[in-house]
Amino acid sequence: MKGGHRKSLFMNLSKSLIKTISDDKKIKTTLAKAKAFKPKVERMITTMKGFDSDEKIASVRRAVSFFGDKEFVMKHISLVSDKYKDRNGGYTRIIKLPRRKSDGSKMCFVELV
C-alpha cells in the first residue's frame, strides 16, 4: 500500500471512530487495519486533549493537519477534550469477531472507551 493511500485510510478510519464519540457506537474493520491505526488515533486524541491547556492553537493545527478538515476538528475537539480529560491513554478497544466469510479475513470492532 502506498504512503498516500495509507495516510488517507488512517484519516478516514480515525474520523469515523471520533464521530462515534457522542453515540457510543463501534466501527467494523479488519484486525490488521485496526492494529495499524490504533496508535495513530490514540496519539491524535491525546493531541486533541491539549485543547484545554495552553497549547490550544498547536493542538488544533496538529489535528487539522492529520484530519485535513478544520470544520470536523472544531466540531469534535471539545467533545474529545471533555470526555478524556482525566484519562492518560488507552482510549480505544479492539473486540475480535469471527472471520469474514468471503475471504477469511480477521474482523473486529474498534470502539472508544
PDB file of N, CA and C in Angstrom:
ATOM      1  N   MET A   1       0.841  -1.166   0.000  1.00  0.00           N
ATOM      2  CA  MET A   1       0.000   0.000   0.000  1.00  0.00           C
ATOM      3  C   MET A   1       0.894   1.240   0.000  1.00  0.00           C
ATOM      4  N   LYS A   2       0.601   2.168  -0.869  1.00  0.00           N
ATOM      5  CA  LYS A   2       1.376   3.396  -0.982  1.00  0.00           C
ATOM      6  C   LYS A   2       1.140   4.293   0.231  1.00  0.00           C
ATOM      7  N   GLY A   3       2.071   5.191   0.479  1.00  0.00           N
ATOM      8  CA  GLY A   3       2.015   6.059   1.649  1.00  0.00           C
ATOM      9  C   GLY A   3       0.801   6.963   1.681  1.00  0.00           C
ATOM     10  N   GLY A   4       0.438   7.538   0.548  1.00  0.00           N
ATOM     11  CA  GLY A   4      -0.710   8.427   0.494  1.00  0.00           C
ATOM     12  C   GLY A   4      -2.017   7.705   0.750  1.00  0.00           C
ATOM     13  N   HIS A   5      -2.125   6.491   0.201  1.00  0.00           N
ATOM     14  CA  HIS A   5      -3.330   5.696   0.412  1.00  0.00           C
ATOM     15  C   HIS A   5      -3.449   5.285   1.876  1.00  0.00           C
ATOM     16  N   ARG A   6      -2.325   4.911   2.471  1.00  0.00           N
ATOM     17  CA  ARG A   6      -2.306   4.501   3.881  1.00  0.00           C
ATOM     18  C   ARG A   6      -2.696   5.669   4.790  1.00  0.00           C
ATOM     19  N   LYS A   7      -2.166   6.852   4.508  1.00  0.00           N
ATOM     20  CA  LYS A   7      -2.486   8.035   5.298  1.00  0.00           C
ATOM     21  C   LYS A   7      -3.972   8.372   5.188  1.00  0.00           C
ATOM     22  N   SER A   8      -4.508   8.273   3.986  1.00  0.00           N
ATOM     23  CA  SER A   8      -5.923   8.537   3.768  1.00  0.00           C
ATOM     24  C   SER A   8      -6.803   7.515   4.495  1.00  0.00           C
ATOM     25  N   LEU A   9      -6.386   6.255   4.475  1.00  0.00           N
ATOM     26  CA  LEU A   9      -7.121   5.199   5.166  1.00  0.00           C
ATOM     27  C   LEU A   9      -7.160   5.469   6.668  1.00  0.00           C
ATOM     28  N   PHE A  10      -6.020   5.805   7.254  1.00  0.00           N
ATOM     29  CA  PHE A  10      -5.960   6.086   8.683  1.00  0.00           C
ATOM     30  C   PHE A  10      -6.799   7.309   9.036  1.00  0.00           C
ATOM     31  N   MET A  11      -6.755   8.336   8.186  1.00  0.00           N
ATOM     32  CA  MET A  11      -7.519   9.542   8.430  1.00  0.00           C
ATOM     33  C   MET A  11      -9.017   9.232   8.428  1.00  0.00           C
ATOM     34  N   ASN A  12      -9.475   8.466   7.441  1.00  0.00           N
ATOM     35  CA  ASN A  12     -10.902   8.154   7.344  1.00  0.00           C
ATOM     36  C   ASN A  12     -11.368   7.239   8.476  1.00  0.00           C
ATOM     37  N   LEU A  13     -10.566   6.249   8.847  1.00  0.00           N
ATOM     38  CA  LEU A  13     -10.930   5.386   9.972  1.00  0.00           C
ATOM     39  C   LEU A  13     -10.971   6.192  11.270  1.00  0.00           C
ATOM     40  N   SER A  14     -10.021   7.087  11.455  1.00  0.00           N
ATOM     41  CA  SER A  14      -9.985   7.913  12.658  1.00  0.00           C
ATOM     42  C   SER A  14     -11.184   8.854  12.719  1.00  0.00           C
ATOM     43  N   LYS A  15     -11.535   9.447  11.591  1.00  0.00           N
ATOM     44  CA  LYS A  15     -12.708  10.320  11.550  1.00  0.00           C
ATOM     45  C   LYS A  15     -13.962   9.542  11.904  1.00  0.00           C
ATOM     46  N   SER A  16     -14.104   8.347  11.330  1.00  0.00           N
ATOM     47  CA  SER A  16     -15.285   7.530  11.612  1.00  0.00           C
ATOM     48  C   SER A  16     -15.367   7.167  13.085  1.00  0.00           C
ATOM     49  N   LEU A  17     -14.223   6.856  13.681  1.00  0.00           N
ATOM     50  CA  LEU A  17     -14.207   6.482  15.088  1.00  0.00           C
ATOM     51  C   LEU A  17     -14.528   7.679  15.985  1.00  0.00           C
ATOM     52  N   ILE A  18     -13.985   8.829  15.694  1.00  0.00           N
ATOM     53  CA  ILE A  18     -14.236  10.005  16.527  1.00  0.00           C
ATOM     54  C   ILE A  18     -15.670  10.498  16.363  1.00  0.00           C
ATOM     55  N   LYS A  19     -16.273  10.281  15.204  1.00  0.00           N
ATOM     56  CA  LYS A  19     -17.682  10.654  15.020  1.00  0.00           C
ATOM     57  C   LYS A  19     -18.593   9.849  15.936  1.00  0.00           C
ATOM     58  N   THR A  20     -18.152   8.668  16.362  1.00  0.00           N
ATOM     59  CA  THR A  20     -18.981   7.821  17.224  1.00  0.00           C
ATOM     60  C   THR A  20     -18.893   8.222  18.691  1.00  0.00           C
ATOM     61  N   ILE A  21     -18.157   9.270  19.013  1.00  0.00           N
ATOM     62  CA  ILE A  21     -17.948   9.671  20.407  1.00  0.00           C
ATOM     63  C   ILE A  21     -19.255   9.989  21.120  1.00  0.00           C
ATOM     64  N   SER A  22     -20.174  10.643  20.459  1.00  0.00           N
ATOM     65  CA  SER A  22     -21.394  11.081  21.134  1.00  0.00           C
ATOM     66  C   SER A  22     -22.440   9.973  21.256  1.00  0.00           C
ATOM     67  N   ASP A  23     -22.420   8.970  20.381  1.00  0.00           N
ATOM     68  CA  ASP A  23     -23.463   7.943  20.432  1.00  0.00           C
ATOM     69  C   ASP A  23     -22.934   6.558  20.798  1.00  0.00           C
ATOM     70  N   ASP A  24     -21.696   6.452  21.259  1.00  0.00           N
ATOM     71  CA  ASP A  24     -21.113   5.195  21.769  1.00  0.00           C
ATOM     72  C   ASP A  24     -21.312   4.021  20.815  1.00  0.00           C
ATOM     73  N   LYS A  25     -20.979   4.204  19.549  1.00  0.00           N
ATOM     74  CA  LYS A  25     -21.058   3.133  18.564  1.00  0.00           C
ATOM     75  C   LYS A  25     -19.665   2.615  18.258  1.00  0.00           C
ATOM     76  N   LYS A  26     -19.596   1.599  17.404  1.00  0.00           N
ATOM     77  CA  LYS A  26     -18.333   0.972  17.040  1.00  0.00           C
ATOM     78  C   LYS A  26     -18.183   1.016  15.528  1.00  0.00           C
ATOM     79  N   ILE A  27     -16.948   0.882  15.061  1.00  0.00           N
ATOM     80  CA  ILE A  27     -16.729   0.707  13.635  1.00  0.00           C
ATOM     81  C   ILE A  27     -16.196  -0.698  13.417  1.00  0.00           C
ATOM     82  N   LYS A  28     -16.550  -1.275  12.302  1.00  0.00           N
ATOM     83  CA  LYS A  28     -16.143  -2.633  11.972  1.00  0.00           C
ATOM     84  C   LYS A  28     -15.093  -2.567  10.872  1.00  0.00           C
ATOM     85  N   THR A  29     -13.969  -3.230  11.093  1.00  0.00           N
ATOM     86  CA  THR A  29     -12.875  -3.227  10.124  1.00  0.00           C
ATOM     87  C   THR A  29     -12.068  -4.506  10.298  1.00  0.00           C
ATOM     88  N   THR A  30     -11.039  -4.663   9.482  1.00  0.00           N
ATOM     89  CA  THR A  30     -10.188  -5.834   9.631  1.00  0.00           C
ATOM     90  C   THR A  30      -9.235  -5.631  10.806  1.00  0.00           C
ATOM     91  N   LEU A  31      -8.778  -6.728  11.363  1.00  0.00           N
ATOM     92  CA  LEU A  31      -7.905  -6.672  12.528  1.00  0.00           C
ATOM     93  C   LEU A  31      -6.575  -5.993  12.199  1.00  0.00           C
ATOM     94  N   ALA A  32      -6.038  -6.249  11.006  1.00  0.00           N
ATOM     95  CA  ALA A  32      -4.766  -5.643  10.620  1.00  0.00           C
ATOM     96  C   ALA A  32      -4.878  -4.122  10.529  1.00  0.00           C
ATOM     97  N   LYS A  33      -5.963  -3.618   9.945  1.00  0.00           N
ATOM     98  CA  LYS A  33      -6.159  -2.168   9.859  1.00  0.00           C
ATOM     99  C   LYS A  33      -6.335  -1.570  11.247  1.00  0.00           C
ATOM    100  N   ALA A  34      -7.077  -2.256  12.105  1.00  0.00           N
ATOM    101  CA  ALA A  34      -7.329  -1.744  13.452  1.00  0.00           C
ATOM    102  C   ALA A  34      -6.039  -1.644  14.251  1.00  0.00           C
ATOM    103  N   LYS A  35      -5.196  -2.656  14.167  1.00  0.00           N
ATOM    104  CA  LYS A  35      -3.936  -2.633  14.902  1.00  0.00           C
ATOM    105  C   LYS A  35      -2.991  -1.577  14.356  1.00  0.00           C
ATOM    106  N   ALA A  36      -3.081  -1.296  13.054  1.00  0.00           N
ATOM    107  CA  ALA A  36      -2.200  -0.308  12.444  1.00  0.00           C
ATOM    108  C   ALA A  36      -2.633   1.117  12.775  1.00  0.00           C
ATOM    109  N   PHE A  37      -3.934   1.389  12.824  1.00  0.00           N
ATOM    110  CA  PHE A  37      -4.355   2.773  13.034  1.00  0.00           C
ATOM    111  C   PHE A  37      -4.617   3.110  14.498  1.00  0.00           C
ATOM    112  N   LYS A  38      -4.642   2.129  15.383  1.00  0.00           N
ATOM    113  CA  LYS A  38      -4.891   2.384  16.799  1.00  0.00           C
ATOM    114  C   LYS A  38      -3.877   3.353  17.416  1.00  0.00           C
ATOM    115  N   PRO A  39      -2.568   3.180  17.223  1.00  0.00           N
ATOM    116  CA  PRO A  39      -1.631   4.157  17.811  1.00  0.00           C
ATOM    117  C   PRO A  39      -1.797   5.563  17.249  1.00  0.00           C
ATOM    118  N   LYS A  40      -2.160   5.659  15.983  1.00  0.00           N
ATOM    119  CA  LYS A  40      -2.327   6.971  15.358  1.00  0.00           C
ATOM    120  C   LYS A  40      -3.515   7.713  15.958  1.00  0.00           C
ATOM    121  N   VAL A  41      -4.641   7.012  16.109  1.00  0.00           N
ATOM    122  CA  VAL A  41      -5.841   7.675  16.632  1.00  0.00           C
ATOM    123  C   VAL A  41      -5.665   7.997  18.112  1.00  0.00           C
ATOM    124  N   GLU A  42      -4.963   7.151  18.841  1.00  0.00           N
ATOM    125  CA  GLU A  42      -4.729   7.446  20.264  1.00  0.00           C
ATOM    126  C   GLU A  42      -3.823   8.663  20.422  1.00  0.00           C
ATOM    127  N   ARG A  43      -2.816   8.775  19.586  1.00  0.00           N
ATOM    128  CA  ARG A  43      -1.938   9.943  19.623  1.00  0.00           C
ATOM    129  C   ARG A  43      -2.717  11.209  19.273  1.00  0.00           C
ATOM    130  N   MET A  44      -3.636  11.086  18.303  1.00  0.00           N
ATOM    131  CA  MET A  44      -4.412  12.253  17.899  1.00  0.00           C
ATOM    132  C   MET A  44      -5.399  12.662  18.994  1.00  0.00           C
ATOM    133  N   ILE A  45      -5.976  11.701  19.706  1.00  0.00           N
ATOM    134  CA  ILE A  45      -6.878  12.029  20.817  1.00  0.00           C
ATOM    135  C   ILE A  45      -6.095  12.741  21.922  1.00  0.00           C
ATOM    136  N   THR A  46      -4.875  12.280  22.194  1.00  0.00           N
ATOM    137  CA  THR A  46      -4.033  12.945  23.179  1.00  0.00           C
ATOM    138  C   THR A  46      -3.730  14.371  22.740  1.00  0.00           C
ATOM    139  N   THR A  47      -3.485  14.566  21.457  1.00  0.00           N
ATOM    140  CA  THR A  47      -3.245  15.913  20.939  1.00  0.00           C
ATOM    141  C   THR A  47      -4.484  16.783  21.085  1.00  0.00           C
ATOM    142  N   MET A  48      -5.648  16.216  20.799  1.00  0.00           N
ATOM    143  CA  MET A  48      -6.891  16.975  20.891  1.00  0.00           C
ATOM    144  C   MET A  48      -7.248  17.297  22.340  1.00  0.00           C
ATOM    145  N   LYS A  49      -6.735  16.515  23.285  1.00  0.00           N
ATOM    146  CA  LYS A  49      -6.952  16.823  24.701  1.00  0.00           C
ATOM    147  C   LYS A  49      -6.247  18.109  25.095  1.00  0.00           C
ATOM    148  N   GLY A  50      -5.202  18.482  24.384  1.00  0.00           N
ATOM    149  CA  GLY A  50      -4.458  19.699  24.674  1.00  0.00           C
ATOM    150  C   GLY A  50      -5.232  20.963  24.376  1.00  0.00           C
ATOM    151  N   PHE A  51      -6.450  20.826  23.876  1.00  0.00           N
ATOM    152  CA  PHE A  51      -7.291  21.972  23.554  1.00  0.00           C
ATOM    153  C   PHE A  51      -7.608  22.794  24.799  1.00  0.00           C
ATOM    154  N   ASP A  52      -7.671  22.150  25.960  1.00  0.00           N
ATOM    155  CA  ASP A  52      -7.995  22.864  27.192  1.00  0.00           C
ATOM    156  C   ASP A  52      -6.774  23.510  27.841  1.00  0.00           C
ATOM    157  N   SER A  53      -5.589  23.156  27.387  1.00  0.00           N
ATOM    158  CA  SER A  53      -4.377  23.691  28.016  1.00  0.00           C
ATOM    159  C   SER A  53      -3.889  24.935  27.291  1.00  0.00           C
ATOM    160  N   ASP A  54      -2.668  25.316  27.595  1.00  0.00           N
ATOM    161  CA  ASP A  54      -2.064  26.492  26.961  1.00  0.00           C
ATOM    162  C   ASP A  54      -1.712  26.247  25.500  1.00  0.00           C
ATOM    163  N   GLU A  55      -1.659  24.976  25.092  1.00  0.00           N
ATOM    164  CA  GLU A  55      -1.278  24.626  23.722  1.00  0.00           C
ATOM    165  C   GLU A  55      -2.480  24.588  22.779  1.00  0.00           C
ATOM    166  N   LYS A  56      -3.465  25.402  23.000  1.00  0.00           N
ATOM    167  CA  LYS A  56      -4.713  25.342  22.238  1.00  0.00           C
ATOM    168  C   LYS A  56      -4.483  25.448  20.727  1.00  0.00           C
ATOM    169  N   ILE A  57      -3.749  26.429  20.289  1.00  0.00           N
ATOM    170  CA  ILE A  57      -3.534  26.655  18.857  1.00  0.00           C
ATOM    171  C   ILE A  57      -2.726  25.515  18.248  1.00  0.00           C
ATOM    172  N   ALA A  58      -1.707  25.066  18.958  1.00  0.00           N
ATOM    173  CA  ALA A  58      -0.863  23.991  18.441  1.00  0.00           C
ATOM    174  C   ALA A  58      -1.649  22.689  18.293  1.00  0.00           C
ATOM    175  N   SER A  59      -2.500  22.372  19.261  1.00  0.00           N
ATOM    176  CA  SER A  59      -3.265  21.123  19.167  1.00  0.00           C
ATOM    177  C   SER A  59      -4.285  21.181  18.040  1.00  0.00           C
ATOM    178  N   VAL A  60      -4.883  22.332  17.832  1.00  0.00           N
ATOM    179  CA  VAL A  60      -5.830  22.474  16.718  1.00  0.00           C
ATOM    180  C   VAL A  60      -5.104  22.316  15.390  1.00  0.00           C
ATOM    181  N   ARG A  61      -3.938  22.930  15.255  1.00  0.00           N
ATOM    182  CA  ARG A  61      -3.191  22.843  13.997  1.00  0.00           C
ATOM    183  C   ARG A  61      -2.727  21.417  13.710  1.00  0.00           C
ATOM    184  N   ARG A  62      -2.272  20.706  14.752  1.00  0.00           N
ATOM    185  CA  ARG A  62      -1.854  19.313  14.546  1.00  0.00           C
ATOM    186  C   ARG A  62      -3.032  18.443  14.137  1.00  0.00           C
ATOM    187  N   ALA A  63      -4.177  18.653  14.774  1.00  0.00           N
ATOM    188  CA  ALA A  63      -5.364  17.872  14.437  1.00  0.00           C
ATOM    189  C   ALA A  63      -5.836  18.176  13.013  1.00  0.00           C
ATOM    190  N   VAL A  64      -5.806  19.438  12.625  1.00  0.00           N
ATOM    191  CA  VAL A  64      -6.228  19.808  11.263  1.00  0.00           C
ATOM    192  C   VAL A  64      -5.275  19.209  10.233  1.00  0.00           C
ATOM    193  N   SER A  65      -3.991  19.177  10.530  1.00  0.00           N
ATOM    194  CA  SER A  65      -3.054  18.594   9.574  1.00  0.00           C
ATOM    195  C   SER A  65      -3.248  17.090   9.442  1.00  0.00           C
ATOM    196  N   PHE A  66      -3.669  16.424  10.512  1.00  0.00           N
ATOM    197  CA  PHE A  66      -3.912  14.979  10.435  1.00  0.00           C
ATOM    198  C   PHE A  66      -5.227  14.678   9.736  1.00  0.00           C
ATOM    199  N   PHE A  67      -6.309  15.352  10.141  1.00  0.00           N
ATOM    200  CA  PHE A  67      -7.638  15.064   9.592  1.00  0.00           C
ATOM    201  C   PHE A  67      -7.909  15.774   8.284  1.00  0.00           C
ATOM    202  N   GLY A  68      -7.249  16.897   8.032  1.00  0.00           N
ATOM    203  CA  GLY A  68      -7.434  17.609   6.785  1.00  0.00           C
ATOM    204  C   GLY A  68      -8.758  18.331   6.666  1.00  0.00           C
ATOM    205  N   ASP A  69      -9.454  18.530   7.788  1.00  0.00           N
ATOM    206  CA  ASP A  69     -10.780  19.134   7.749  1.00  0.00           C
ATOM    207  C   ASP A  69     -10.965  19.988   9.009  1.00  0.00           C
ATOM    208  N   LYS A  70     -10.889  21.292   8.860  1.00  0.00           N
ATOM    209  CA  LYS A  70     -10.953  22.179  10.018  1.00  0.00           C
ATOM    210  C   LYS A  70     -12.329  22.153  10.678  1.00  0.00           C
ATOM    211  N   GLU A  71     -13.399  22.057   9.890  1.00  0.00           N
ATOM    212  CA  GLU A  71     -14.749  22.038  10.461  1.00  0.00           C
ATOM    213  C   GLU A  71     -14.947  20.801  11.331  1.00  0.00           C
ATOM    214  N   PHE A  72     -14.446  19.652  10.869  1.00  0.00           N
ATOM    215  CA  PHE A  72     -14.552  18.419  11.647  1.00  0.00           C
ATOM    216  C   PHE A  72     -13.812  18.562  12.975  1.00  0.00           C
ATOM    217  N   VAL A  73     -12.611  19.096  12.927  1.00  0.00           N
ATOM    218  CA  VAL A  73     -11.796  19.248  14.139  1.00  0.00           C
ATOM    219  C   VAL A  73     -12.478  20.195  15.118  1.00  0.00           C
ATOM    220  N   MET A  74     -12.944  21.333  14.651  1.00  0.00           N
ATOM    221  CA  MET A  74     -13.561  22.309  15.547  1.00  0.00           C
ATOM    222  C   MET A  74     -14.856  21.771  16.148  1.00  0.00           C
ATOM    223  N   LYS A  75     -15.557  20.909  15.421  1.00  0.00           N
ATOM    224  CA  LYS A  75     -16.806  20.344  15.922  1.00  0.00           C
ATOM    225  C   LYS A  75     -16.548  19.296  17.005  1.00  0.00           C
ATOM    226  N   HIS A  76     -15.499  18.490  16.841  1.00  0.00           N
ATOM    227  CA  HIS A  76     -15.285  17.347  17.728  1.00  0.00           C
ATOM    228  C   HIS A  76     -14.202  17.547  18.787  1.00  0.00           C
ATOM    229  N   ILE A  77     -13.382  18.580  18.669  1.00  0.00           N
ATOM    230  CA  ILE A  77     -12.257  18.722  19.595  1.00  0.00           C
ATOM    231  C   ILE A  77     -12.727  18.974  21.032  1.00  0.00           C
ATOM    232  N   SER A  78     -13.797  19.711  21.198  1.00  0.00           N
ATOM    233  CA  SER A  78     -14.273  19.956  22.565  1.00  0.00           C
ATOM    234  C   SER A  78     -14.900  18.700  23.161  1.00  0.00           C
ATOM    235  N   LEU A  79     -15.568  17.890  22.340  1.00  0.00           N
ATOM    236  CA  LEU A  79     -16.119  16.618  22.833  1.00  0.00           C
ATOM    237  C   LEU A  79     -15.016  15.694  23.307  1.00  0.00           C
ATOM    238  N   VAL A  80     -13.952  15.598  22.528  1.00  0.00           N
ATOM    239  CA  VAL A  80     -12.826  14.733  22.886  1.00  0.00           C
ATOM    240  C   VAL A  80     -12.147  15.233  24.148  1.00  0.00           C
ATOM    241  N   SER A  81     -11.888  16.535  24.226  1.00  0.00           N
ATOM    242  CA  SER A  81     -11.180  17.062  25.400  1.00  0.00           C
ATOM    243  C   SER A  81     -12.023  16.936  26.664  1.00  0.00           C
ATOM    244  N   ASP A  82     -13.338  17.055  26.549  1.00  0.00           N
ATOM    245  CA  ASP A  82     -14.197  16.892  27.723  1.00  0.00           C
ATOM    246  C   ASP A  82     -14.284  15.439  28.180  1.00  0.00           C
ATOM    247  N   LYS A  83     -14.412  14.520  27.224  1.00  0.00           N
ATOM    248  CA  LYS A  83     -14.608  13.111  27.577  1.00  0.00           C
ATOM    249  C   LYS A  83     -13.342  12.477  28.152  1.00  0.00           C
ATOM    250  N   TYR A  84     -12.167  12.844  27.630  1.00  0.00           N
ATOM    251  CA  TYR A  84     -10.935  12.159  28.013  1.00  0.00           C
ATOM    252  C   TYR A  84      -9.965  13.021  28.816  1.00  0.00           C
ATOM    253  N   LYS A  85     -10.446  14.079  29.450  1.00  0.00           N
ATOM    254  CA  LYS A  85      -9.541  14.970  30.174  1.00  0.00           C
ATOM    255  C   LYS A  85      -8.868  14.290  31.369  1.00  0.00           C
ATOM    256  N   ASP A  86      -9.513  13.304  31.981  1.00  0.00           N
ATOM    257  CA  ASP A  86      -8.944  12.626  33.148  1.00  0.00           C
ATOM    258  C   ASP A  86      -8.283  11.296  32.801  1.00  0.00           C
ATOM    259  N   ARG A  87      -8.259  10.917  31.541  1.00  0.00           N
ATOM    260  CA  ARG A  87      -7.700   9.627  31.136  1.00  0.00           C
ATOM    261  C   ARG A  87      -6.328   9.845  30.516  1.00  0.00           C
ATOM    262  N   ASN A  88      -5.363   8.993  30.847  1.00  0.00           N
ATOM    263  CA  ASN A  88      -3.991   9.173  30.373  1.00  0.00           C
ATOM    264  C   ASN A  88      -3.635   8.334  29.159  1.00  0.00           C
ATOM    265  N   GLY A  89      -4.511   7.567  28.638  1.00  0.00           N
ATOM    266  CA  GLY A  89      -4.227   6.744  27.468  1.00  0.00           C
ATOM    267  C   GLY A  89      -5.206   5.588  27.402  1.00  0.00           C
ATOM    268  N   GLY A  90      -5.055   4.745  26.404  1.00  0.00           N
ATOM    269  CA  GLY A  90      -5.945   3.605  26.249  1.00  0.00           C
ATOM    270  C   GLY A  90      -7.357   4.027  25.905  1.00  0.00           C
ATOM    271  N   TYR A  91      -7.489   4.857  24.883  1.00  0.00           N
ATOM    272  CA  TYR A  91      -8.796   5.392  24.530  1.00  0.00           C
ATOM    273  C   TYR A  91      -9.610   4.439  23.663  1.00  0.00           C
ATOM    274  N   THR A  92      -8.961   3.487  23.013  1.00  0.00           N
ATOM    275  CA  THR A  92      -9.660   2.592  22.097  1.00  0.00           C
ATOM    276  C   THR A  92      -9.606   1.156  22.587  1.00  0.00           C
ATOM    277  N   ARG A  93     -10.579   0.381  22.134  1.00  0.00           N
ATOM    278  CA  ARG A  93     -10.667  -1.032  22.466  1.00  0.00           C
ATOM    279  C   ARG A  93     -10.930  -1.799  21.169  1.00  0.00           C
ATOM    280  N   ILE A  94     -10.218  -2.905  20.979  1.00  0.00           N
ATOM    281  CA  ILE A  94     -10.418  -3.762  19.816  1.00  0.00           C
ATOM    282  C   ILE A  94     -11.114  -5.033  20.284  1.00  0.00           C
ATOM    283  N   ILE A  95     -12.269  -5.333  19.689  1.00  0.00           N
ATOM    284  CA  ILE A  95     -13.036  -6.528  20.022  1.00  0.00           C
ATOM    285  C   ILE A  95     -13.028  -7.439  18.803  1.00  0.00           C
ATOM    286  N   LYS A  96     -12.440  -8.618  18.950  1.00  0.00           N
ATOM    287  CA  LYS A  96     -12.310  -9.526  17.815  1.00  0.00           C
ATOM    288  C   LYS A  96     -13.648 -10.177  17.476  1.00  0.00           C
ATOM    289  N   LEU A  97     -13.845 -10.392  16.185  1.00  0.00           N
ATOM    290  CA  LEU A  97     -15.049 -11.013  15.641  1.00  0.00           C
ATOM    291  C   LEU A  97     -14.657 -12.252  14.854  1.00  0.00           C
ATOM    292  N   PRO A  98     -15.647 -13.092  14.485  1.00  0.00           N
ATOM    293  CA  PRO A  98     -15.317 -14.236  13.617  1.00  0.00           C
ATOM    294  C   PRO A  98     -14.786 -13.765  12.262  1.00  0.00           C
ATOM    295  N   ARG A  99     -14.114 -14.648  11.586  1.00  0.00           N
ATOM    296  CA  ARG A  99     -13.543 -14.317  10.273  1.00  0.00           C
ATOM    297  C   ARG A  99     -14.640 -13.994   9.263  1.00  0.00           C
ATOM    298  N   ARG A 100     -14.292 -13.148   8.303  1.00  0.00           N
ATOM    299  CA  ARG A 100     -15.211 -12.792   7.230  1.00  0.00           C
ATOM    300  C   ARG A 100     -15.381 -13.993   6.302  1.00  0.00           C
ATOM    301  N   LYS A 101     -16.595 -14.270   5.890  1.00  0.00           N
ATOM    302  CA  LYS A 101     -16.869 -15.469   5.094  1.00  0.00           C
ATOM    303  C   LYS A 101     -16.269 -15.405   3.696  1.00  0.00           C
ATOM    304  N   SER A 102     -16.266 -14.241   3.086  1.00  0.00           N
ATOM    305  CA  SER A 102     -15.858 -14.151   1.686  1.00  0.00           C
ATOM    306  C   SER A 102     -14.380 -14.463   1.478  1.00  0.00           C
ATOM    307  N   ASP A 103     -13.508 -13.921   2.325  1.00  0.00           N
ATOM    308  CA  ASP A 103     -12.079 -14.134   2.109  1.00  0.00           C
ATOM    309  C   ASP A 103     -11.342 -14.621   3.354  1.00  0.00           C
ATOM    310  N   GLY A 104     -12.029 -14.783   4.463  1.00  0.00           N
ATOM    311  CA  GLY A 104     -11.413 -15.318   5.660  1.00  0.00           C
ATOM    312  C   GLY A 104     -10.597 -14.323   6.449  1.00  0.00           C
ATOM    313  N   SER A 105     -10.763 -13.033   6.186  1.00  0.00           N
ATOM    314  CA  SER A 105     -10.022 -12.006   6.928  1.00  0.00           C
ATOM    315  C   SER A 105     -10.506 -11.930   8.375  1.00  0.00           C
ATOM    316  N   LYS A 106      -9.581 -11.669   9.274  1.00  0.00           N
ATOM    317  CA  LYS A 106      -9.929 -11.490  10.668  1.00  0.00           C
ATOM    318  C   LYS A 106     -10.605 -10.130  10.809  1.00  0.00           C
ATOM    319  N   MET A 107     -11.763 -10.109  11.445  1.00  0.00           N
ATOM    320  CA  MET A 107     -12.540  -8.887  11.598  1.00  0.00           C
ATOM    321  C   MET A 107     -12.582  -8.482  13.062  1.00  0.00           C
ATOM    322  N   CYS A 108     -12.905  -7.204  13.298  1.00  0.00           N
ATOM    323  CA  CYS A 108     -13.008  -6.719  14.665  1.00  0.00           C
ATOM    324  C   CYS A 108     -13.849  -5.460  14.701  1.00  0.00           C
ATOM    325  N   PHE A 109     -14.300  -5.129  15.906  1.00  0.00           N
ATOM    326  CA  PHE A 109     -14.906  -3.842  16.186  1.00  0.00           C
ATOM    327  C   PHE A 109     -13.858  -2.983  16.873  1.00  0.00           C
ATOM    328  N   VAL A 110     -13.841  -1.702  16.560  1.00  0.00           N
ATOM    329  CA  VAL A 110     -12.999  -0.743  17.269  1.00  0.00           C
ATOM    330  C   VAL A 110     -13.952   0.267  17.889  1.00  0.00           C
ATOM    331  N   GLU A 111     -13.798   0.464  19.196  1.00  0.00           N
ATOM    332  CA  GLU A 111     -14.671   1.410  19.893  1.00  0.00           C
ATOM    333  C   GLU A 111     -13.857   2.295  20.815  1.00  0.00           C
ATOM    334  N   LEU A 112     -14.398   3.436  21.132  1.00  0.00           N
ATOM    335  CA  LEU A 112     -13.774   4.336  22.087  1.00  0.00           C
ATOM    336  C   LEU A 112     -14.247   3.969  23.481  1.00  0.00           C
ATOM    337  N   VAL A 113     -13.326   3.957  24.429  1.00  0.00           N
ATOM    338  CA  VAL A 113     -13.638   3.571  25.804  1.00  0.00           C
ATOM    339  C   VAL A 113     -14.285   4.738  26.523  1.00  0.00           C
TER     340      VAL A 113
END
